[in-house]
Amino acid sequence: MTNPLEGLGGGEGGFDLNAIMQQAQALQSQIVDAQEKLAETIVDGTVAGGAVTVKLTGTGELVGVEIKQGEFDGSSPDDLEDLGAVIVAAYRDAKGKADALAGEAMGPLAGGLGGAPGGGEPPFKLGF
């Protein structure tokens, strides 16, 4: 009978738990570094010719909303409804950019976790 763990190192059919732990620690360090860089990166979502800009960190934290002066006067319910819709659209634009940035930063690290399911995107999405 052959040992199913043969070939994983460690001799006598065992595996080298030390080497696995070192790889896991190195991967964890890379993930933390990538998350820190994402948290420091700001992405903009802009719509309506720059009337509204929403700023998110690469991790999805909303850090700012800018409304261009003179674009919305707020004097009518329709104007305020339009403003709300434009803010949502700007947020979605920024969210798409943040998701793409996270995929670029974290995707290569998914290979260290056995690869992404389905072979494509990382095995997670930002929670927003």
N, C-alpha and C. Protein backbone atom coordinates (compact mmCIF):
# COMPACT_ATOMS: atom_id res chain seq x y z
N MET A 1 0.85 -1.17 0.00
CA MET A 1 0.00 0.00 0.00
C MET A 1 0.90 1.24 0.00
N THR A 2 0.56 2.26 -0.83
CA THR A 2 1.37 3.47 -0.90
C THR A 2 0.76 4.55 -0.02
N ASN A 3 1.62 5.41 0.45
CA ASN A 3 1.18 6.50 1.31
C ASN A 3 0.66 7.65 0.45
N PRO A 4 -0.59 8.11 0.66
CA PRO A 4 -1.14 9.19 -0.16
C PRO A 4 -0.45 10.53 0.05
N LEU A 5 0.30 10.66 1.14
CA LEU A 5 1.01 11.91 1.42
C LEU A 5 2.44 11.90 0.89
N GLU A 6 2.81 10.79 0.26
CA GLU A 6 4.16 10.67 -0.28
C GLU A 6 4.39 11.76 -1.33
N GLY A 7 5.53 12.34 -1.34
CA GLY A 7 5.85 13.37 -2.32
C GLY A 7 5.58 14.78 -1.82
N LEU A 8 5.04 14.89 -0.60
CA LEU A 8 4.78 16.23 -0.05
C LEU A 8 5.93 16.68 0.84
N GLY A 9 6.99 15.95 0.86
CA GLY A 9 8.17 16.34 1.63
C GLY A 9 8.09 15.78 3.04
N GLY A 10 9.11 16.00 3.80
CA GLY A 10 9.12 15.59 5.19
C GLY A 10 9.63 14.17 5.40
N GLY A 11 9.90 13.43 4.34
CA GLY A 11 10.45 12.09 4.45
C GLY A 11 9.45 11.09 5.01
N GLU A 12 9.72 9.83 4.81
CA GLU A 12 8.89 8.74 5.30
C GLU A 12 7.41 8.94 4.99
N GLY A 13 7.10 9.53 3.86
CA GLY A 13 5.71 9.66 3.43
C GLY A 13 4.94 10.78 4.10
N GLY A 14 5.56 11.50 5.03
CA GLY A 14 4.87 12.60 5.70
C GLY A 14 4.98 13.87 4.90
N PHE A 15 4.53 14.96 5.47
CA PHE A 15 4.70 16.25 4.81
C PHE A 15 5.32 17.21 5.80
N ASP A 16 5.97 18.21 5.27
CA ASP A 16 6.71 19.15 6.09
C ASP A 16 5.78 20.25 6.57
N LEU A 17 5.25 20.09 7.76
CA LEU A 17 4.31 21.05 8.33
C LEU A 17 4.98 22.42 8.52
N ASN A 18 6.25 22.41 8.83
CA ASN A 18 6.99 23.68 8.97
C ASN A 18 6.98 24.48 7.68
N ALA A 19 7.24 23.81 6.57
CA ALA A 19 7.26 24.49 5.27
C ALA A 19 5.88 25.02 4.93
N ILE A 20 4.84 24.25 5.23
CA ILE A 20 3.48 24.70 4.95
C ILE A 20 3.14 25.91 5.79
N MET A 21 3.52 25.90 7.07
CA MET A 21 3.25 27.04 7.95
C MET A 21 4.00 28.29 7.48
N GLN A 22 5.24 28.13 7.02
CA GLN A 22 6.00 29.27 6.51
C GLN A 22 5.33 29.85 5.27
N GLN A 23 4.84 28.99 4.38
CA GLN A 23 4.15 29.47 3.18
C GLN A 23 2.87 30.20 3.55
N ALA A 24 2.13 29.65 4.52
CA ALA A 24 0.89 30.29 4.96
C ALA A 24 1.17 31.66 5.58
N GLN A 25 2.22 31.79 6.37
CA GLN A 25 2.57 33.06 6.97
C GLN A 25 3.00 34.08 5.91
N ALA A 26 3.75 33.62 4.92
CA ALA A 26 4.17 34.53 3.85
C ALA A 26 2.96 35.00 3.05
N LEU A 27 2.02 34.10 2.77
CA LEU A 27 0.81 34.46 2.05
C LEU A 27 -0.02 35.44 2.86
N GLN A 28 -0.15 35.19 4.15
CA GLN A 28 -0.91 36.09 5.02
C GLN A 28 -0.29 37.49 5.01
N SER A 29 1.02 37.57 5.06
CA SER A 29 1.71 38.86 5.02
C SER A 29 1.44 39.60 3.71
N GLN A 30 1.45 38.85 2.60
CA GLN A 30 1.16 39.46 1.30
C GLN A 30 -0.28 39.97 1.24
N ILE A 31 -1.20 39.22 1.80
CA ILE A 31 -2.61 39.64 1.81
C ILE A 31 -2.78 40.91 2.64
N VAL A 32 -2.16 40.95 3.81
CA VAL A 32 -2.25 42.14 4.66
C VAL A 32 -1.66 43.36 3.94
N ASP A 33 -0.52 43.18 3.29
CA ASP A 33 0.10 44.28 2.54
C ASP A 33 -0.83 44.78 1.43
N ALA A 34 -1.42 43.85 0.69
CA ALA A 34 -2.33 44.23 -0.40
C ALA A 34 -3.55 44.97 0.15
N GLN A 35 -4.10 44.50 1.27
CA GLN A 35 -5.26 45.16 1.87
C GLN A 35 -4.91 46.57 2.35
N GLU A 36 -3.72 46.73 2.92
CA GLU A 36 -3.29 48.06 3.37
C GLU A 36 -3.15 49.02 2.19
N LYS A 37 -2.58 48.53 1.10
CA LYS A 37 -2.44 49.38 -0.09
C LYS A 37 -3.81 49.76 -0.65
N LEU A 38 -4.75 48.80 -0.66
CA LEU A 38 -6.10 49.10 -1.14
C LEU A 38 -6.77 50.15 -0.26
N ALA A 39 -6.57 50.05 1.05
CA ALA A 39 -7.19 51.00 1.98
C ALA A 39 -6.65 52.42 1.79
N GLU A 40 -5.42 52.53 1.29
CA GLU A 40 -4.80 53.84 1.08
C GLU A 40 -5.09 54.42 -0.30
N THR A 41 -5.61 53.61 -1.20
CA THR A 41 -5.87 54.04 -2.57
C THR A 41 -7.27 54.63 -2.68
N ILE A 42 -7.40 55.75 -3.35
CA ILE A 42 -8.70 56.40 -3.56
C ILE A 42 -9.10 56.26 -5.03
N VAL A 43 -10.35 55.82 -5.25
CA VAL A 43 -10.89 55.76 -6.60
C VAL A 43 -12.08 56.71 -6.68
N ASP A 44 -12.26 57.32 -7.84
CA ASP A 44 -13.37 58.25 -8.07
C ASP A 44 -14.40 57.62 -8.97
N GLY A 45 -15.65 57.92 -8.68
CA GLY A 45 -16.74 57.60 -9.58
C GLY A 45 -17.40 58.90 -9.97
N THR A 46 -17.45 59.20 -11.25
CA THR A 46 -17.98 60.48 -11.71
C THR A 46 -19.03 60.25 -12.77
N VAL A 47 -20.12 61.02 -12.69
CA VAL A 47 -21.20 60.92 -13.67
C VAL A 47 -21.72 62.31 -13.99
N ALA A 48 -22.57 62.36 -14.98
CA ALA A 48 -23.26 63.60 -15.38
C ALA A 48 -22.26 64.71 -15.68
N GLY A 49 -21.23 64.36 -16.44
CA GLY A 49 -20.26 65.36 -16.83
C GLY A 49 -19.50 65.98 -15.67
N GLY A 50 -19.34 65.22 -14.61
CA GLY A 50 -18.60 65.72 -13.45
C GLY A 50 -19.47 66.44 -12.44
N ALA A 51 -20.80 66.39 -12.63
CA ALA A 51 -21.70 67.05 -11.69
C ALA A 51 -21.57 66.46 -10.29
N VAL A 52 -21.34 65.16 -10.22
CA VAL A 52 -21.18 64.47 -8.93
C VAL A 52 -19.99 63.53 -9.03
N THR A 53 -19.14 63.57 -8.01
CA THR A 53 -18.02 62.66 -7.90
C THR A 53 -18.07 62.01 -6.52
N VAL A 54 -17.95 60.69 -6.50
CA VAL A 54 -17.92 59.94 -5.25
C VAL A 54 -16.54 59.34 -5.11
N LYS A 55 -15.98 59.41 -3.91
CA LYS A 55 -14.64 58.87 -3.65
C LYS A 55 -14.75 57.69 -2.68
N LEU A 56 -14.12 56.57 -3.09
CA LEU A 56 -14.05 55.37 -2.25
C LEU A 56 -12.60 54.96 -2.11
N THR A 57 -12.30 54.28 -0.99
CA THR A 57 -10.99 53.64 -0.91
C THR A 57 -11.06 52.37 -1.74
N GLY A 58 -9.91 51.79 -2.00
CA GLY A 58 -9.87 50.53 -2.75
C GLY A 58 -10.55 49.39 -2.02
N THR A 59 -10.79 49.55 -0.70
CA THR A 59 -11.50 48.54 0.07
C THR A 59 -13.00 48.84 0.15
N GLY A 60 -13.43 49.93 -0.48
CA GLY A 60 -14.85 50.23 -0.56
C GLY A 60 -15.39 51.21 0.45
N GLU A 61 -14.54 51.82 1.26
CA GLU A 61 -15.00 52.79 2.24
C GLU A 61 -15.30 54.12 1.54
N LEU A 62 -16.50 54.62 1.73
CA LEU A 62 -16.89 55.91 1.17
C LEU A 62 -16.19 57.01 1.94
N VAL A 63 -15.42 57.84 1.23
CA VAL A 63 -14.65 58.89 1.90
C VAL A 63 -15.01 60.30 1.42
N GLY A 64 -15.86 60.41 0.39
CA GLY A 64 -16.22 61.75 -0.04
C GLY A 64 -17.25 61.76 -1.15
N VAL A 65 -18.04 62.82 -1.16
CA VAL A 65 -18.99 63.09 -2.23
C VAL A 65 -18.83 64.56 -2.58
N GLU A 66 -18.58 64.83 -3.85
CA GLU A 66 -18.44 66.21 -4.32
C GLU A 66 -19.56 66.50 -5.32
N ILE A 67 -20.23 67.63 -5.11
CA ILE A 67 -21.31 68.05 -6.01
C ILE A 67 -20.90 69.40 -6.59
N LYS A 68 -20.84 69.44 -7.90
CA LYS A 68 -20.42 70.67 -8.58
C LYS A 68 -21.46 71.76 -8.35
N GLN A 69 -20.98 72.91 -7.96
CA GLN A 69 -21.85 74.06 -7.68
C GLN A 69 -22.67 74.43 -8.92
N GLY A 70 -23.93 74.69 -8.70
CA GLY A 70 -24.81 75.15 -9.76
C GLY A 70 -25.50 74.04 -10.53
N GLU A 71 -25.14 72.79 -10.26
CA GLU A 71 -25.74 71.68 -10.99
C GLU A 71 -27.12 71.32 -10.45
N PHE A 72 -27.30 71.43 -9.13
CA PHE A 72 -28.56 71.08 -8.49
C PHE A 72 -28.91 72.18 -7.51
N ASP A 73 -30.13 72.73 -7.61
CA ASP A 73 -30.47 73.80 -6.67
C ASP A 73 -31.29 73.30 -5.49
N GLY A 74 -31.85 72.10 -5.59
CA GLY A 74 -32.57 71.52 -4.47
C GLY A 74 -33.92 72.17 -4.19
N SER A 75 -34.41 72.97 -5.11
CA SER A 75 -35.65 73.70 -4.86
C SER A 75 -36.90 72.89 -5.19
N SER A 76 -36.73 71.75 -5.85
CA SER A 76 -37.90 70.95 -6.19
C SER A 76 -37.64 69.49 -5.85
N PRO A 77 -38.72 68.75 -5.57
CA PRO A 77 -38.54 67.32 -5.27
C PRO A 77 -37.88 66.57 -6.45
N ASP A 78 -38.19 66.97 -7.67
CA ASP A 78 -37.59 66.31 -8.83
C ASP A 78 -36.09 66.52 -8.88
N ASP A 79 -35.67 67.74 -8.57
CA ASP A 79 -34.24 68.06 -8.57
C ASP A 79 -33.51 67.23 -7.52
N LEU A 80 -34.10 67.09 -6.34
CA LEU A 80 -33.48 66.30 -5.28
C LEU A 80 -33.48 64.81 -5.63
N GLU A 81 -34.53 64.35 -6.29
CA GLU A 81 -34.59 62.96 -6.73
C GLU A 81 -33.50 62.69 -7.77
N ASP A 82 -33.33 63.64 -8.69
CA ASP A 82 -32.27 63.52 -9.70
C ASP A 82 -30.90 63.47 -9.03
N LEU A 83 -30.70 64.33 -8.02
CA LEU A 83 -29.42 64.35 -7.32
C LEU A 83 -29.16 63.00 -6.66
N GLY A 84 -30.16 62.44 -6.02
CA GLY A 84 -30.00 61.12 -5.40
C GLY A 84 -29.62 60.06 -6.42
N ALA A 85 -30.28 60.07 -7.56
CA ALA A 85 -29.99 59.08 -8.61
C ALA A 85 -28.58 59.25 -9.15
N VAL A 86 -28.13 60.48 -9.28
CA VAL A 86 -26.78 60.74 -9.80
C VAL A 86 -25.73 60.30 -8.78
N ILE A 87 -26.00 60.50 -7.50
CA ILE A 87 -25.06 60.06 -6.46
C ILE A 87 -24.95 58.53 -6.49
N VAL A 88 -26.08 57.85 -6.63
CA VAL A 88 -26.06 56.38 -6.71
C VAL A 88 -25.25 55.93 -7.93
N ALA A 89 -25.46 56.59 -9.05
CA ALA A 89 -24.72 56.22 -10.27
C ALA A 89 -23.22 56.45 -10.10
N ALA A 90 -22.85 57.54 -9.45
CA ALA A 90 -21.42 57.82 -9.22
C ALA A 90 -20.83 56.79 -8.27
N TYR A 91 -21.60 56.41 -7.27
CA TYR A 91 -21.14 55.38 -6.34
C TYR A 91 -20.91 54.06 -7.08
N ARG A 92 -21.83 53.69 -7.93
CA ARG A 92 -21.68 52.44 -8.69
C ARG A 92 -20.45 52.49 -9.59
N ASP A 93 -20.18 53.65 -10.17
CA ASP A 93 -19.00 53.81 -11.00
C ASP A 93 -17.74 53.59 -10.15
N ALA A 94 -17.70 54.22 -8.98
CA ALA A 94 -16.54 54.07 -8.09
C ALA A 94 -16.43 52.64 -7.58
N LYS A 95 -17.55 52.01 -7.26
CA LYS A 95 -17.54 50.63 -6.77
C LYS A 95 -16.97 49.68 -7.81
N GLY A 96 -17.34 49.88 -9.07
CA GLY A 96 -16.79 49.04 -10.13
C GLY A 96 -15.28 49.18 -10.22
N LYS A 97 -14.79 50.40 -10.07
CA LYS A 97 -13.35 50.63 -10.10
C LYS A 97 -12.67 50.01 -8.88
N ALA A 98 -13.30 50.13 -7.70
CA ALA A 98 -12.73 49.55 -6.48
C ALA A 98 -12.69 48.02 -6.59
N ASP A 99 -13.75 47.41 -7.12
CA ASP A 99 -13.77 45.96 -7.31
C ASP A 99 -12.67 45.52 -8.26
N ALA A 100 -12.49 46.25 -9.35
CA ALA A 100 -11.44 45.91 -10.31
C ALA A 100 -10.07 46.03 -9.66
N LEU A 101 -9.87 47.08 -8.89
CA LEU A 101 -8.60 47.30 -8.21
C LEU A 101 -8.33 46.17 -7.21
N ALA A 102 -9.35 45.78 -6.46
CA ALA A 102 -9.20 44.69 -5.50
C ALA A 102 -8.90 43.38 -6.22
N GLY A 103 -9.54 43.16 -7.35
CA GLY A 103 -9.28 41.95 -8.12
C GLY A 103 -7.84 41.89 -8.60
N GLU A 104 -7.32 43.04 -9.03
CA GLU A 104 -5.93 43.10 -9.49
C GLU A 104 -4.97 42.86 -8.33
N ALA A 105 -5.28 43.46 -7.17
CA ALA A 105 -4.37 43.36 -6.03
C ALA A 105 -4.44 42.00 -5.35
N MET A 106 -5.63 41.45 -5.23
CA MET A 106 -5.81 40.22 -4.46
C MET A 106 -5.86 38.97 -5.34
N GLY A 107 -6.20 39.12 -6.60
CA GLY A 107 -6.34 37.97 -7.48
C GLY A 107 -5.12 37.08 -7.54
N PRO A 108 -3.91 37.63 -7.72
CA PRO A 108 -2.73 36.77 -7.77
C PRO A 108 -2.51 35.99 -6.47
N LEU A 109 -2.99 36.54 -5.36
CA LEU A 109 -2.81 35.86 -4.08
C LEU A 109 -3.76 34.68 -3.94
N ALA A 110 -4.85 34.67 -4.69
CA ALA A 110 -5.80 33.56 -4.64
C ALA A 110 -5.13 32.27 -5.10
N GLY A 111 -4.13 32.37 -5.97
CA GLY A 111 -3.40 31.19 -6.41
C GLY A 111 -2.70 30.50 -5.26
N GLY A 112 -2.30 31.28 -4.26
CA GLY A 112 -1.67 30.71 -3.07
C GLY A 112 -2.66 29.99 -2.18
N LEU A 113 -3.94 30.19 -2.45
CA LEU A 113 -4.98 29.53 -1.68
C LEU A 113 -5.58 28.37 -2.46
N GLY A 114 -4.89 27.91 -3.48
CA GLY A 114 -5.39 26.80 -4.26
C GLY A 114 -6.09 27.25 -5.52
N GLY A 115 -6.02 28.52 -5.83
CA GLY A 115 -6.64 29.03 -7.06
C GLY A 115 -8.05 29.49 -6.83
N ALA A 116 -8.50 30.33 -7.70
CA ALA A 116 -9.87 30.83 -7.61
C ALA A 116 -10.82 29.79 -8.17
N PRO A 117 -11.98 29.62 -7.54
CA PRO A 117 -12.94 28.66 -8.08
C PRO A 117 -13.36 29.10 -9.48
N GLY A 118 -13.47 28.18 -10.36
CA GLY A 118 -13.86 28.52 -11.73
C GLY A 118 -12.72 29.07 -12.55
N GLY A 119 -11.55 29.26 -11.93
CA GLY A 119 -10.37 29.68 -12.66
C GLY A 119 -10.35 31.14 -13.05
N GLY A 120 -11.31 31.95 -12.61
CA GLY A 120 -11.35 33.33 -13.07
C GLY A 120 -11.06 34.31 -11.97
N GLU A 121 -12.09 34.92 -11.47
CA GLU A 121 -11.96 36.00 -10.51
C GLU A 121 -11.55 35.46 -9.14
N PRO A 122 -11.12 36.37 -8.26
CA PRO A 122 -10.77 35.93 -6.92
C PRO A 122 -12.01 35.37 -6.21
N PRO A 123 -11.80 34.57 -5.16
CA PRO A 123 -12.92 33.90 -4.52
C PRO A 123 -13.68 34.82 -3.57
N PHE A 124 -13.68 36.12 -3.81
CA PHE A 124 -14.38 37.05 -2.94
C PHE A 124 -14.77 38.29 -3.73
N LYS A 125 -15.68 39.02 -3.19
CA LYS A 125 -16.06 40.33 -3.70
C LYS A 125 -16.07 41.27 -2.52
N LEU A 126 -15.86 42.52 -2.77
CA LEU A 126 -15.95 43.48 -1.68
C LEU A 126 -17.38 43.49 -1.15
N GLY A 127 -17.52 43.68 0.13
CA GLY A 127 -18.82 43.57 0.76
C GLY A 127 -19.66 44.83 0.70
N PHE A 128 -19.76 45.45 -0.45
CA PHE A 128 -20.63 46.62 -0.56
C PHE A 128 -21.27 46.63 -1.92
